[in-house]
Amino acid sequence: MVRKLLATATLATMGLLGVQVGPASAVGTTRHECRARAHENYRTRVNNGQDRATARRHLRADLQRCNRRFG
């Protein structure tokens, strides 16, 4: 319940800031957007029924991709 609320609040805030809320893609303009999208994908995976451990592995890979991309 709290996690769901937090996710909703985060997405709403991202919407206000004009960050595209959508699937991960190579195009994101900042490190912040890249990381935000990675975390959103994690939440989506868990909500879609993927187990947390697997979703977390994907999250780590996505974050590493952001780190490589933005130095």
C-alpha atoms as a PDB file:
ATOM      1  CA  MET A   1       0.000   0.000   0.000  1.00  0.00           C
ATOM      2  CA  VAL A   2       2.680   2.481   1.050  1.00  0.00           C
ATOM      3  CA  ARG A   3       4.961   1.344  -1.771  1.00  0.00           C
ATOM      4  CA  LYS A   4       2.147   1.729  -4.294  1.00  0.00           C
ATOM      5  CA  LEU A   5       1.401   5.216  -2.955  1.00  0.00           C
ATOM      6  CA  LEU A   6       5.062   6.151  -3.147  1.00  0.00           C
ATOM      7  CA  ALA A   7       5.298   4.892  -6.722  1.00  0.00           C
ATOM      8  CA  THR A   8       2.204   6.885  -7.667  1.00  0.00           C
ATOM      9  CA  ALA A   9       3.563  10.025  -6.014  1.00  0.00           C
ATOM     10  CA  THR A  10       6.908   9.570  -7.736  1.00  0.00           C
ATOM     11  CA  LEU A  11       5.273   9.126 -11.134  1.00  0.00           C
ATOM     12  CA  ALA A  12       3.051  12.158 -10.559  1.00  0.00           C
ATOM     13  CA  THR A  13       6.086  14.238  -9.612  1.00  0.00           C
ATOM     14  CA  MET A  14       7.958  13.017 -12.664  1.00  0.00           C
ATOM     15  CA  GLY A  15       4.967  13.969 -14.793  1.00  0.00           C
ATOM     16  CA  LEU A  16       5.002  17.480 -13.363  1.00  0.00           C
ATOM     17  CA  LEU A  17       8.683  17.803 -14.119  1.00  0.00           C
ATOM     18  CA  GLY A  18       8.036  16.835 -17.717  1.00  0.00           C
ATOM     19  CA  VAL A  19       9.938  13.568 -17.598  1.00  0.00           C
ATOM     20  CA  GLN A  20       8.524  11.061 -20.027  1.00  0.00           C
ATOM     21  CA  VAL A  21       7.076   8.150 -18.137  1.00  0.00           C
ATOM     22  CA  GLY A  22       7.416   5.197 -20.445  1.00  0.00           C
ATOM     23  CA  PRO A  23       9.443   2.179 -21.410  1.00  0.00           C
ATOM     24  CA  ALA A  24      13.206   2.321 -21.181  1.00  0.00           C
ATOM     25  CA  SER A  25      14.931   3.436 -24.293  1.00  0.00           C
ATOM     26  CA  ALA A  26      18.392   4.599 -25.153  1.00  0.00           C
ATOM     27  CA  VAL A  27      17.141   8.170 -25.343  1.00  0.00           C
ATOM     28  CA  GLY A  28      17.072  10.042 -22.056  1.00  0.00           C
ATOM     29  CA  THR A  29      18.667  13.398 -21.688  1.00  0.00           C
ATOM     30  CA  THR A  30      20.073  13.229 -18.183  1.00  0.00           C
ATOM     31  CA  ARG A  31      21.517  10.734 -15.739  1.00  0.00           C
ATOM     32  CA  HIS A  32      18.580  11.520 -13.454  1.00  0.00           C
ATOM     33  CA  GLU A  33      16.027  10.587 -16.116  1.00  0.00           C
ATOM     34  CA  CYS A  34      17.959   7.445 -16.998  1.00  0.00           C
ATOM     35  CA  ARG A  35      17.994   6.288 -13.374  1.00  0.00           C
ATOM     36  CA  ALA A  36      14.362   7.287 -12.811  1.00  0.00           C
ATOM     37  CA  ARG A  37      13.335   5.244 -15.838  1.00  0.00           C
ATOM     38  CA  ALA A  38      15.342   2.251 -14.610  1.00  0.00           C
ATOM     39  CA  HIS A  39      13.530   2.350 -11.263  1.00  0.00           C
ATOM     40  CA  GLU A  40      10.187   2.767 -12.953  1.00  0.00           C
ATOM     41  CA  ASN A  41      10.917  -0.308 -15.059  1.00  0.00           C
ATOM     42  CA  TYR A  42      11.697  -2.219 -11.862  1.00  0.00           C
ATOM     43  CA  ARG A  43       8.307  -1.258 -10.400  1.00  0.00           C
ATOM     44  CA  THR A  44       6.585  -2.214 -13.650  1.00  0.00           C
ATOM     45  CA  ARG A  45       8.304  -5.620 -13.701  1.00  0.00           C
ATOM     46  CA  VAL A  46       7.272  -6.348 -10.107  1.00  0.00           C
ATOM     47  CA  ASN A  47       3.717  -5.142 -10.761  1.00  0.00           C
ATOM     48  CA  ASN A  48       3.563  -7.396 -13.810  1.00  0.00           C
ATOM     49  CA  GLY A  49       4.380 -10.387 -11.653  1.00  0.00           C
ATOM     50  CA  GLN A  50       8.104 -10.831 -12.146  1.00  0.00           C
ATOM     51  CA  ASP A  51       9.825 -11.920  -8.956  1.00  0.00           C
ATOM     52  CA  ARG A  52      11.759  -9.212  -7.145  1.00  0.00           C
ATOM     53  CA  ALA A  53      15.161 -10.895  -7.435  1.00  0.00           C
ATOM     54  CA  THR A  54      14.984 -11.041 -11.225  1.00  0.00           C
ATOM     55  CA  ALA A  55      13.573  -7.520 -11.451  1.00  0.00           C
ATOM     56  CA  ARG A  56      16.402  -6.309  -9.211  1.00  0.00           C
ATOM     57  CA  ARG A  57      18.988  -7.921 -11.516  1.00  0.00           C
ATOM     58  CA  HIS A  58      17.471  -6.039 -14.440  1.00  0.00           C
ATOM     59  CA  LEU A  59      17.464  -2.830 -12.380  1.00  0.00           C
ATOM     60  CA  ARG A  60      21.164  -3.208 -11.606  1.00  0.00           C
ATOM     61  CA  ALA A  61      21.937  -3.810 -15.272  1.00  0.00           C
ATOM     62  CA  ASP A  62      19.907  -0.724 -16.250  1.00  0.00           C
ATOM     63  CA  LEU A  63      21.682   1.418 -13.643  1.00  0.00           C
ATOM     64  CA  GLN A  64      25.077   0.182 -14.850  1.00  0.00           C
ATOM     65  CA  ARG A  65      24.042   1.160 -18.368  1.00  0.00           C
ATOM     66  CA  CYS A  66      23.218   4.666 -17.080  1.00  0.00           C
ATOM     67  CA  ASN A  67      26.583   4.857 -15.333  1.00  0.00           C
ATOM     68  CA  ARG A  68      28.466   3.797 -18.458  1.00  0.00           C
ATOM     69  CA  ARG A  69      26.509   6.258 -20.544  1.00  0.00           C
ATOM     70  CA  PHE A  70      26.947   9.262 -18.281  1.00  0.00           C
ATOM     71  CA  GLY A  71      30.404   8.461 -17.003  1.00  0.00           C
END
